[in-house]
Amino acid sequence: MSRKIRVIVVDDSALVRSLLSEIINRQHDMECIGTANDPLIAREMIREKDPDVITLDVEMPRMDGIDFLGRLMRLRPMPVVMISTLTERGAEVTMKALELGAVDFVAKPRVGLSSGLNELATQIVDKIRVAAVAQVRRAPAAKPADRPAQPGSAAPITPAATLLGRISTEKLICIGASTGGTEAIREVLVQMPADSPAIVITQHMPPGFTTSFAARLNGLCQITVKEATNGERILPGHAYIAPGGKQFHVARSGANYVAVVDDGPPVNRHKPSVEVLFKSAAAVVGKNAFGVMLTGMGNDGAAAMREMKDAGSYNYVQDEASCIVFGMPREAIAHGAADEVLPLTQIAPALITRLRGATDRLHHRI
């Protein structure tokens, strides 16, 4: 049998440290090799014990989890699962943690901590298992001018591609992602021009976090990024993110696409599910769709992405080398759903080139 996943738990709450240790030690394939109540103790423990994964609280004494994570990912990159409180501030800080290189997060309940964490046990250990096999990268050292804005302040807008010009409003870009996806989605969206076709996105995320995710992206992109709301018209120059804990798909109303957000059951254990969004694109958008499958664990959306391709869409899949977790992209490729398999940084340029080709053909016909 292969070696157990060795985990260090970092949290200022003795109760949380005890509960997480117990949850981890109940698993046949992992063990808690130490706990620390603040990052300075954790730093020495990591140096001494060399864990495979750490779980990290956000708010702690002496140095908060975000400062510690930033230093860790620059000096000794390793898989980190954040244990965040489900609050508005918790959501903003979690987005920052994912930006710094945390693999994933678990939303810790504000009340009923003991029963709440035990209810989350399966999710916690699943995320530790994923983190243990994730490709973690060293974070670049932040120059003073590049330091990220504080939550709530205006973020710098990244230069995107020049405008596409007149393009059919029938076009729709559909993106699916899971583990590692928040940063992968950002990489694609910041490159899209202000007159991009509408973009619809499902990122596996719990309720309470997608609002913060959309707001952060909206401050970075030339397109407008928002959480999808039921019944709204899907417009060019906009990206719509599936709300956490809801299903999201597209429908037609006359000449327009509209967002459908409902409380449908989990699909492939996910809510929102990429399968639900991509299936609707295959049925409703057909050859006017572009599919994009980004980093993530599992197979959610792979079969439906093949349905999109069979209906005439053109599909891009992130390559293994640039994925945090090459699960969903691998499955999409295995289903024969990919037209192109590309490094993350090349997906938006390839998409823009193809859209420009469509614009040129449109102008030629006119």
Protein backbone atom coordinates (compact mmCIF):
# COMPACT_ATOMS: atom_id res chain seq x y z
CA MET A 1 0.00 0.00 0.00
CA SER A 2 1.28 3.47 -0.83
CA ARG A 3 2.40 5.87 1.87
CA LYS A 4 -0.30 7.77 3.75
CA ILE A 5 -0.95 11.45 2.98
CA ARG A 6 0.73 13.37 5.80
CA VAL A 7 -1.26 16.43 6.94
CA ILE A 8 -0.52 19.33 9.30
CA VAL A 9 -3.53 21.25 10.66
CA VAL A 10 -3.03 24.99 11.32
CA ASP A 11 -5.87 26.67 13.24
CA ASP A 12 -6.04 28.89 16.32
CA SER A 13 -9.06 26.98 17.69
CA ALA A 14 -8.16 23.97 19.84
CA LEU A 15 -11.59 22.49 19.06
CA VAL A 16 -11.09 22.78 15.30
CA ARG A 17 -7.58 21.31 15.54
CA SER A 18 -8.94 18.37 17.51
CA LEU A 19 -11.91 17.78 15.16
CA LEU A 20 -9.83 18.01 11.98
CA SER A 21 -7.14 15.69 13.40
CA GLU A 22 -9.81 13.15 14.29
CA ILE A 23 -11.46 13.37 10.84
CA ILE A 24 -8.08 12.94 9.09
CA ASN A 25 -6.92 10.06 11.31
CA ARG A 26 -10.15 8.13 10.66
CA GLN A 27 -9.12 7.77 7.00
CA HIS A 28 -7.15 4.72 5.87
CA ASP A 29 -4.98 6.78 3.51
CA MET A 30 -4.01 9.84 5.56
CA GLU A 31 -2.71 10.88 8.96
CA CYS A 32 -2.45 14.12 10.89
CA ILE A 33 1.26 14.40 11.73
CA GLY A 34 0.95 17.64 13.70
CA THR A 35 -1.18 20.65 14.61
CA ALA A 36 -0.21 24.28 15.14
CA ASN A 37 -2.18 27.17 16.65
CA ASP A 38 -0.36 29.89 14.74
CA PRO A 39 1.69 30.25 11.53
CA LEU A 40 5.03 30.76 13.28
CA ILE A 41 4.74 27.39 15.03
CA ALA A 42 3.44 25.92 11.75
CA ARG A 43 6.49 27.19 9.87
CA GLU A 44 8.87 25.25 12.13
CA MET A 45 6.65 22.18 12.03
CA ILE A 46 6.53 22.21 8.21
CA ARG A 47 10.32 22.51 8.09
CA GLU A 48 10.74 19.62 10.52
CA LYS A 49 8.01 17.20 9.38
CA ASP A 50 7.74 17.93 5.61
CA PRO A 51 3.96 17.29 5.23
CA ASP A 52 2.18 16.50 1.95
CA VAL A 53 -0.73 18.90 2.64
CA ILE A 54 -1.58 21.56 5.21
CA THR A 55 -5.01 22.84 6.20
CA LEU A 56 -4.89 26.51 7.06
CA ASP A 57 -7.27 28.81 8.91
CA VAL A 58 -7.57 32.42 7.73
CA GLU A 59 -7.78 34.47 10.93
CA MET A 60 -5.06 33.64 13.45
CA PRO A 61 -2.81 35.45 15.96
CA ARG A 62 0.67 36.84 15.18
CA MET A 63 0.31 36.38 11.39
CA ASP A 64 -2.93 35.85 9.50
CA GLY A 65 -3.38 32.88 7.20
CA ILE A 66 -3.15 34.99 4.03
CA ASP A 67 0.24 36.53 4.92
CA PHE A 68 1.51 33.10 5.88
CA LEU A 69 0.17 31.52 2.68
CA GLY A 70 1.80 34.22 0.53
CA ARG A 71 5.19 33.59 2.14
CA LEU A 72 4.80 29.83 2.02
CA MET A 73 3.93 29.77 -1.70
CA ARG A 74 6.93 31.96 -2.54
CA LEU A 75 9.49 30.15 -0.38
CA ARG A 76 8.25 26.55 -0.08
CA PRO A 77 5.24 25.89 -2.34
CA MET A 78 3.05 23.06 -1.12
CA PRO A 79 -0.61 21.98 -1.31
CA VAL A 80 -2.81 24.04 1.01
CA VAL A 81 -6.53 23.61 1.75
CA MET A 82 -8.00 26.73 3.38
CA ILE A 83 -10.56 26.33 6.16
CA SER A 84 -12.64 29.53 5.77
CA THR A 85 -15.57 30.94 7.70
CA LEU A 86 -18.68 31.37 5.57
CA THR A 87 -18.99 35.17 5.81
CA GLU A 88 -18.69 37.96 3.27
CA ARG A 89 -15.20 38.77 4.50
CA GLY A 90 -14.40 35.05 4.60
CA ALA A 91 -15.40 34.78 0.94
CA GLU A 92 -13.24 37.76 -0.13
CA VAL A 93 -10.24 36.41 1.77
CA THR A 94 -10.77 32.94 0.31
CA MET A 95 -10.61 34.38 -3.22
CA LYS A 96 -7.31 35.99 -2.26
CA ALA A 97 -6.03 32.66 -0.90
CA LEU A 98 -6.86 30.88 -4.17
CA GLU A 99 -5.08 33.67 -6.06
CA LEU A 100 -1.98 33.10 -3.90
CA GLY A 101 -1.95 29.39 -4.71
CA ALA A 102 -4.18 27.54 -2.23
CA VAL A 103 -5.52 24.42 -3.98
CA ASP A 104 -9.04 24.58 -2.51
CA PHE A 105 -11.09 25.59 0.51
CA VAL A 106 -13.74 24.32 2.88
CA ALA A 107 -16.39 26.72 4.19
CA LYS A 108 -16.46 26.28 7.97
CA PRO A 109 -19.85 26.82 9.67
CA ARG A 110 -20.18 29.85 11.96
CA VAL A 111 -22.36 27.98 14.48
CA GLY A 112 -22.54 24.33 15.49
CA LEU A 113 -18.84 23.92 14.75
CA SER A 114 -18.46 20.39 16.06
CA SER A 115 -21.47 18.87 14.23
CA GLY A 116 -20.86 21.12 11.22
CA LEU A 117 -17.27 20.00 10.69
CA ASN A 118 -18.23 16.36 11.07
CA GLU A 119 -20.94 16.83 8.43
CA LEU A 120 -18.22 18.29 6.19
CA ALA A 121 -15.82 15.39 6.89
CA THR A 122 -16.23 13.76 3.46
CA GLN A 123 -15.69 17.06 1.69
CA ILE A 124 -12.63 17.86 3.83
CA VAL A 125 -10.87 14.55 3.21
CA ASP A 126 -11.80 14.56 -0.50
CA LYS A 127 -10.17 17.98 -0.85
CA ILE A 128 -7.07 16.84 1.03
CA ARG A 129 -6.77 13.87 -1.36
CA VAL A 130 -7.07 16.17 -4.38
CA ALA A 131 -4.54 18.62 -2.88
CA ALA A 132 -2.05 15.79 -2.36
CA VAL A 133 -1.88 15.15 -6.13
CA ALA A 134 -2.26 18.77 -7.29
CA GLN A 135 0.46 20.54 -9.27
CA VAL A 136 1.45 23.44 -7.03
CA ARG A 137 3.49 26.32 -8.42
CA ARG A 138 5.78 28.79 -6.73
CA ALA A 139 4.09 32.18 -6.38
CA PRO A 140 6.08 35.09 -7.87
CA ALA A 141 7.46 37.61 -5.40
CA ALA A 142 5.12 40.61 -5.33
CA LYS A 143 6.71 43.92 -6.27
CA PRO A 144 5.36 46.90 -4.27
CA ALA A 145 3.51 48.27 -7.30
CA ASP A 146 1.96 44.88 -7.99
CA ARG A 147 0.60 44.24 -4.52
CA PRO A 148 -3.04 43.26 -4.83
CA ALA A 149 -5.72 45.69 -3.79
CA GLN A 150 -7.47 45.14 -0.47
CA PRO A 151 -10.94 43.58 -0.71
CA GLY A 152 -13.46 46.22 -1.68
CA SER A 153 -10.94 48.55 -3.35
CA ALA A 154 -10.68 49.03 -7.09
CA ALA A 155 -8.45 46.44 -8.73
CA PRO A 156 -6.29 47.29 -11.74
CA ILE A 157 -7.78 46.44 -15.12
CA THR A 158 -5.55 44.12 -17.13
CA PRO A 159 -5.09 45.10 -20.77
CA ALA A 160 -7.20 42.80 -22.93
CA ALA A 161 -7.29 42.18 -26.64
CA THR A 162 -8.41 44.93 -29.01
CA LEU A 163 -12.08 44.91 -29.92
CA LEU A 164 -13.38 42.16 -32.14
CA GLY A 165 -15.72 44.36 -34.16
CA ARG A 166 -19.10 43.24 -35.41
CA ILE A 167 -19.78 39.63 -34.50
CA SER A 168 -22.92 37.52 -34.39
CA THR A 169 -24.80 37.81 -31.08
CA GLU A 170 -25.63 34.11 -31.53
CA LYS A 171 -22.12 33.15 -30.38
CA LEU A 172 -21.77 31.90 -26.80
CA ILE A 173 -18.66 30.83 -24.88
CA CYS A 174 -19.23 28.14 -22.22
CA ILE A 175 -16.60 27.51 -19.53
CA GLY A 176 -16.45 24.70 -16.97
CA ALA A 177 -13.93 24.32 -14.12
CA SER A 178 -13.40 22.91 -10.64
CA THR A 179 -10.25 22.63 -8.48
CA GLY A 180 -7.83 25.40 -9.48
CA GLY A 181 -10.50 26.92 -11.68
CA THR A 182 -10.89 30.34 -10.08
CA GLU A 183 -7.45 31.45 -11.25
CA ALA A 184 -7.76 29.62 -14.59
CA ILE A 185 -11.05 31.42 -15.30
CA ARG A 186 -9.42 34.74 -14.41
CA GLU A 187 -6.56 34.01 -16.85
CA VAL A 188 -9.06 33.48 -19.68
CA LEU A 189 -11.46 36.34 -18.88
CA VAL A 190 -8.87 39.11 -18.39
CA GLN A 191 -7.75 38.57 -21.98
CA MET A 192 -11.23 38.87 -23.49
CA PRO A 193 -12.12 42.17 -25.21
CA ALA A 194 -15.05 44.33 -24.09
CA ASP A 195 -17.16 43.25 -27.10
CA SER A 196 -16.59 39.54 -26.55
CA PRO A 197 -19.55 37.23 -27.13
CA ALA A 198 -21.45 36.40 -23.94
CA ILE A 199 -19.67 33.93 -21.64
CA VAL A 200 -21.42 31.50 -19.29
CA ILE A 201 -19.41 29.80 -16.54
CA THR A 202 -19.84 26.97 -14.08
CA GLN A 203 -17.14 26.77 -11.41
CA HIS A 204 -17.73 24.27 -8.61
CA MET A 205 -18.20 26.51 -5.57
CA PRO A 206 -20.47 26.51 -2.50
CA PRO A 207 -23.14 29.14 -1.78
CA GLY A 208 -21.82 32.43 -0.47
CA PHE A 209 -18.57 32.51 -2.46
CA THR A 210 -19.61 33.09 -6.08
CA THR A 211 -20.75 36.69 -5.39
CA SER A 212 -17.24 37.56 -4.19
CA PHE A 213 -15.68 35.63 -7.08
CA ALA A 214 -17.76 37.52 -9.67
CA ALA A 215 -17.05 40.90 -8.04
CA ARG A 216 -13.32 40.25 -8.01
CA LEU A 217 -13.30 39.27 -11.70
CA ASN A 218 -15.48 42.24 -12.62
CA GLY A 219 -12.80 44.55 -11.22
CA LEU A 220 -10.08 42.87 -13.30
CA CYS A 221 -11.78 42.40 -16.69
CA GLN A 222 -12.88 44.59 -19.58
CA ILE A 223 -16.07 42.57 -19.86
CA THR A 224 -18.76 42.81 -17.16
CA VAL A 225 -18.69 39.79 -14.83
CA LYS A 226 -21.67 38.97 -12.61
CA GLU A 227 -23.43 36.16 -10.85
CA ALA A 228 -26.20 34.79 -13.09
CA THR A 229 -29.80 35.50 -12.07
CA ASN A 230 -32.81 33.53 -13.25
CA GLY A 231 -34.57 34.86 -16.34
CA GLU A 232 -32.03 37.56 -17.29
CA ARG A 233 -31.04 38.07 -20.90
CA ILE A 234 -27.50 36.86 -21.69
CA LEU A 235 -25.69 39.77 -23.36
CA PRO A 236 -22.44 40.15 -25.33
CA GLY A 237 -19.63 41.75 -23.35
CA HIS A 238 -20.82 39.97 -20.19
CA ALA A 239 -19.77 36.84 -18.29
CA TYR A 240 -22.30 35.05 -16.07
CA ILE A 241 -21.16 32.80 -13.21
CA ALA A 242 -23.36 30.00 -11.86
CA PRO A 243 -24.38 30.86 -8.27
CA GLY A 244 -22.99 28.42 -5.69
CA GLY A 245 -25.55 25.81 -4.64
CA LYS A 246 -27.78 26.33 -7.72
CA GLN A 247 -27.95 24.78 -11.18
CA PHE A 248 -27.40 27.08 -14.17
CA HIS A 249 -28.20 26.54 -17.82
CA VAL A 250 -29.10 28.56 -20.91
CA ALA A 251 -32.42 28.66 -22.74
CA ARG A 252 -33.80 30.59 -25.72
CA SER A 253 -36.44 33.27 -25.68
CA GLY A 254 -37.08 34.36 -29.25
CA ALA A 255 -33.76 35.61 -30.63
CA ASN A 256 -32.15 35.85 -27.19
CA TYR A 257 -30.37 33.53 -24.80
CA VAL A 258 -31.62 33.70 -21.21
CA ALA A 259 -30.16 32.42 -17.95
CA VAL A 260 -32.03 29.72 -16.05
CA VAL A 261 -30.97 29.42 -12.39
CA ASP A 262 -32.89 26.87 -10.35
CA ASP A 263 -32.71 24.53 -7.40
CA GLY A 264 -32.36 21.37 -9.47
CA PRO A 265 -30.73 18.27 -7.96
CA PRO A 266 -26.94 17.74 -7.94
CA VAL A 267 -25.55 16.23 -11.17
CA ASN A 268 -22.30 14.26 -10.95
CA ARG A 269 -22.54 15.19 -7.23
CA HIS A 270 -22.20 18.88 -8.15
CA LYS A 271 -24.46 21.90 -7.81
CA PRO A 272 -23.70 23.85 -9.92
CA SER A 273 -22.72 21.19 -12.45
CA VAL A 274 -20.78 21.74 -15.68
CA GLU A 275 -22.81 18.90 -17.23
CA VAL A 276 -26.04 20.90 -16.81
CA LEU A 277 -24.62 24.01 -18.48
CA PHE A 278 -22.89 22.19 -21.34
CA LYS A 279 -25.93 19.99 -22.07
CA SER A 280 -28.06 23.11 -22.49
CA ALA A 281 -25.43 24.64 -24.80
CA ALA A 282 -25.49 21.51 -26.98
CA ALA A 283 -29.30 21.66 -27.21
CA VAL A 284 -29.80 25.42 -27.52
CA VAL A 285 -26.62 26.96 -28.96
CA GLY A 286 -25.25 24.19 -31.20
CA LYS A 287 -22.68 25.34 -33.76
CA ASN A 288 -22.62 28.86 -32.31
CA ALA A 289 -21.08 27.59 -29.06
CA PHE A 290 -17.46 27.47 -27.96
CA GLY A 291 -16.68 25.06 -25.11
CA VAL A 292 -13.79 25.56 -22.69
CA MET A 293 -12.86 22.89 -20.11
CA LEU A 294 -10.40 24.02 -17.45
CA THR A 295 -8.60 22.40 -14.51
CA GLY A 296 -10.63 20.29 -12.10
CA MET A 297 -11.01 16.91 -10.40
CA GLY A 298 -13.46 14.32 -11.68
CA ASN A 299 -15.44 14.03 -14.91
CA ASP A 300 -18.21 16.63 -14.58
CA GLY A 301 -19.10 18.05 -18.00
CA ALA A 302 -17.00 15.68 -20.13
CA ALA A 303 -19.93 13.76 -21.67
CA ALA A 304 -21.92 16.96 -22.25
CA MET A 305 -18.89 18.63 -23.86
CA ARG A 306 -18.89 15.76 -26.36
CA GLU A 307 -22.59 16.48 -26.96
CA MET A 308 -21.63 20.11 -27.65
CA LYS A 309 -19.02 18.98 -30.19
CA ASP A 310 -21.52 16.64 -31.86
CA ALA A 311 -23.93 19.59 -32.10
CA GLY A 312 -21.25 21.65 -33.91
CA SER A 313 -19.43 23.58 -31.18
CA TYR A 314 -15.68 24.20 -31.22
CA ASN A 315 -14.01 23.11 -27.97
CA TYR A 316 -10.82 24.03 -26.12
CA VAL A 317 -9.40 21.91 -23.30
CA GLN A 318 -6.61 22.93 -20.91
CA ASP A 319 -3.47 20.82 -21.19
CA GLU A 320 -2.07 18.69 -18.38
CA ALA A 321 1.09 20.74 -17.78
CA SER A 322 -0.85 23.92 -16.95
CA CYS A 323 -3.64 22.28 -14.88
CA ILE A 324 -3.67 22.22 -11.08
CA VAL A 325 -5.65 18.97 -11.43
CA PHE A 326 -5.93 17.25 -14.83
CA GLY A 327 -9.19 15.41 -14.12
CA MET A 328 -12.05 17.07 -16.00
CA PRO A 329 -9.82 18.02 -18.97
CA ARG A 330 -8.49 14.45 -19.21
CA GLU A 331 -12.05 13.09 -19.23
CA ALA A 332 -13.14 15.59 -21.89
CA ILE A 333 -10.24 14.49 -24.10
CA ALA A 334 -11.06 10.80 -23.45
CA HIS A 335 -14.66 11.49 -24.58
CA GLY A 336 -13.35 12.92 -27.86
CA ALA A 337 -14.74 16.36 -26.94
CA ALA A 338 -11.61 18.46 -27.59
CA ASP A 339 -10.87 20.28 -30.83
CA GLU A 340 -7.72 21.82 -29.34
CA VAL A 341 -5.74 21.01 -26.19
CA LEU A 342 -3.79 24.10 -25.13
CA PRO A 343 -1.80 25.59 -22.24
CA LEU A 344 -4.01 27.86 -20.14
CA THR A 345 -2.36 31.08 -21.34
CA GLN A 346 -3.07 30.18 -24.99
CA ILE A 347 -6.80 29.44 -24.68
CA ALA A 348 -8.08 33.04 -24.82
CA PRO A 349 -5.76 34.04 -27.73
CA ALA A 350 -6.87 30.95 -29.70
CA LEU A 351 -10.51 31.76 -29.00
CA ILE A 352 -10.05 35.41 -30.04
CA THR A 353 -8.29 34.35 -33.28
CA ARG A 354 -11.18 32.04 -34.13
CA LEU A 355 -13.74 34.75 -33.31
CA ARG A 356 -11.85 37.22 -35.52
CA GLY A 357 -12.07 34.68 -38.32
CA ALA A 358 -15.84 34.56 -37.81
CA THR A 359 -15.95 38.40 -37.86
CA ASP A 360 -13.94 38.51 -41.08
CA ARG A 361 -16.29 36.00 -42.74
CA LEU A 362 -19.29 38.05 -41.57
CA HIS A 363 -17.81 41.25 -43.05
CA HIS A 364 -16.96 39.42 -46.27
CA ARG A 365 -20.58 38.31 -46.68
CA ILE A 366 -21.80 41.89 -46.02
